[in-house]
Amino acid sequence: MRLPRRFQVWREVDTSGRSRTGRVADGVQWPDGTVTVRWRGDQASTAHWDCLADAELVHGHGGLTRFVWTDEE
């Protein structure tokens, strides 16, 4: 059985003017492939996705936001 794998979300450009740059969230990919993202900041929130690709599609902003693994595969 695989272990959960952690990642960080780094934003290079704040396209909305509200979400900041730098490390904006932390996340984990669960052994079944689903992911949980915990957004940082004054209005922190948690989102669950069926897969990392879905989270990247919504929050990746065409490559301006990176999902960076902090754990080995």
C-alpha atoms as a PDB file:
ATOM      1  CA  MET A   1       0.000   0.000   0.000  1.00  0.00           C
ATOM      2  CA  ARG A   2       1.276   3.456  -0.917  1.00  0.00           C
ATOM      3  CA  LEU A   3       1.634   6.140   1.722  1.00  0.00           C
ATOM      4  CA  PRO A   4       0.077   9.622   1.493  1.00  0.00           C
ATOM      5  CA  ARG A   5       2.359  12.047  -0.374  1.00  0.00           C
ATOM      6  CA  ARG A   6       2.647  15.751   0.504  1.00  0.00           C
ATOM      7  CA  PHE A   7       2.995  18.728  -1.818  1.00  0.00           C
ATOM      8  CA  GLN A   8       3.030  22.522  -1.699  1.00  0.00           C
ATOM      9  CA  VAL A   9       1.287  24.941  -4.041  1.00  0.00           C
ATOM     10  CA  TRP A  10       3.443  27.863  -5.214  1.00  0.00           C
ATOM     11  CA  ARG A  11       1.983  30.791  -7.152  1.00  0.00           C
ATOM     12  CA  GLU A  12       4.334  32.885  -9.290  1.00  0.00           C
ATOM     13  CA  VAL A  13       1.770  35.495 -10.389  1.00  0.00           C
ATOM     14  CA  ASP A  14      -1.439  36.508  -8.621  1.00  0.00           C
ATOM     15  CA  THR A  15      -3.776  36.868 -11.586  1.00  0.00           C
ATOM     16  CA  SER A  16      -6.778  37.781  -9.403  1.00  0.00           C
ATOM     17  CA  GLY A  17      -5.042  40.361  -7.218  1.00  0.00           C
ATOM     18  CA  ARG A  18      -6.396  38.589  -4.116  1.00  0.00           C
ATOM     19  CA  SER A  19      -4.623  35.277  -3.715  1.00  0.00           C
ATOM     20  CA  ARG A  20      -0.995  36.312  -3.071  1.00  0.00           C
ATOM     21  CA  THR A  21       2.199  34.822  -4.474  1.00  0.00           C
ATOM     22  CA  GLY A  22       4.680  32.369  -3.008  1.00  0.00           C
ATOM     23  CA  ARG A  23       3.527  29.323  -1.058  1.00  0.00           C
ATOM     24  CA  VAL A  24      -0.266  29.595  -1.083  1.00  0.00           C
ATOM     25  CA  ALA A  25      -1.354  26.080  -0.067  1.00  0.00           C
ATOM     26  CA  ASP A  26      -0.291  22.691   1.244  1.00  0.00           C
ATOM     27  CA  GLY A  27      -1.682  19.381   0.134  1.00  0.00           C
ATOM     28  CA  VAL A  28      -1.631  15.638   0.299  1.00  0.00           C
ATOM     29  CA  GLN A  29      -2.287  12.974  -2.292  1.00  0.00           C
ATOM     30  CA  TRP A  30      -3.966   9.983  -0.663  1.00  0.00           C
ATOM     31  CA  PRO A  31      -3.133   6.365  -1.590  1.00  0.00           C
ATOM     32  CA  ASP A  32      -6.293   6.151  -3.748  1.00  0.00           C
ATOM     33  CA  GLY A  33      -5.114   9.134  -5.853  1.00  0.00           C
ATOM     34  CA  THR A  34      -7.504  11.734  -4.408  1.00  0.00           C
ATOM     35  CA  VAL A  35      -5.986  14.986  -3.134  1.00  0.00           C
ATOM     36  CA  THR A  36      -6.720  17.433  -0.351  1.00  0.00           C
ATOM     37  CA  VAL A  37      -5.542  21.044  -0.627  1.00  0.00           C
ATOM     38  CA  ARG A  38      -5.438  23.375   2.393  1.00  0.00           C
ATOM     39  CA  TRP A  39      -5.260  27.011   1.291  1.00  0.00           C
ATOM     40  CA  ARG A  40      -3.262  29.416   3.456  1.00  0.00           C
ATOM     41  CA  GLY A  41      -4.199  32.980   4.333  1.00  0.00           C
ATOM     42  CA  ASP A  42      -6.797  34.935   6.249  1.00  0.00           C
ATOM     43  CA  GLN A  43      -9.702  33.036   4.630  1.00  0.00           C
ATOM     44  CA  ALA A  44      -8.134  29.572   4.697  1.00  0.00           C
ATOM     45  CA  SER A  45     -10.146  26.712   3.225  1.00  0.00           C
ATOM     46  CA  THR A  46      -9.845  23.051   2.381  1.00  0.00           C
ATOM     47  CA  ALA A  47     -10.747  21.431  -0.940  1.00  0.00           C
ATOM     48  CA  HIS A  48     -10.857  17.779  -1.988  1.00  0.00           C
ATOM     49  CA  TRP A  49     -10.294  16.628  -5.557  1.00  0.00           C
ATOM     50  CA  ASP A  50     -10.657  13.271  -7.325  1.00  0.00           C
ATOM     51  CA  CYS A  51      -7.117  13.644  -8.711  1.00  0.00           C
ATOM     52  CA  LEU A  52      -4.231  16.097  -8.788  1.00  0.00           C
ATOM     53  CA  ALA A  53      -4.813  16.846 -12.474  1.00  0.00           C
ATOM     54  CA  ASP A  54      -8.261  18.272 -11.646  1.00  0.00           C
ATOM     55  CA  ALA A  55      -6.816  20.579  -8.965  1.00  0.00           C
ATOM     56  CA  GLU A  56      -4.074  21.710 -11.359  1.00  0.00           C
ATOM     57  CA  LEU A  57      -6.617  22.372 -14.107  1.00  0.00           C
ATOM     58  CA  VAL A  58      -8.614  24.728 -11.869  1.00  0.00           C
ATOM     59  CA  HIS A  59      -5.796  26.361  -9.874  1.00  0.00           C
ATOM     60  CA  GLY A  60      -2.745  26.030 -12.140  1.00  0.00           C
ATOM     61  CA  HIS A  61      -3.472  29.250 -14.074  1.00  0.00           C
ATOM     62  CA  GLY A  62      -1.688  27.988 -17.177  1.00  0.00           C
ATOM     63  CA  GLY A  63       1.543  27.152 -15.361  1.00  0.00           C
ATOM     64  CA  LEU A  64       1.649  30.261 -13.137  1.00  0.00           C
ATOM     65  CA  THR A  65       0.948  28.046 -10.127  1.00  0.00           C
ATOM     66  CA  ARG A  66       3.118  24.993  -9.444  1.00  0.00           C
ATOM     67  CA  PHE A  67       2.310  21.871  -7.406  1.00  0.00           C
ATOM     68  CA  VAL A  68       5.656  20.824  -5.868  1.00  0.00           C
ATOM     69  CA  TRP A  69       6.138  17.432  -4.214  1.00  0.00           C
ATOM     70  CA  THR A  70       7.796  17.481  -0.793  1.00  0.00           C
ATOM     71  CA  ASP A  71       7.777  13.682  -0.337  1.00  0.00           C
ATOM     72  CA  GLU A  72       9.470  11.063  -2.508  1.00  0.00           C
ATOM     73  CA  GLU A  73       7.235   8.835  -4.582  1.00  0.00           C
END
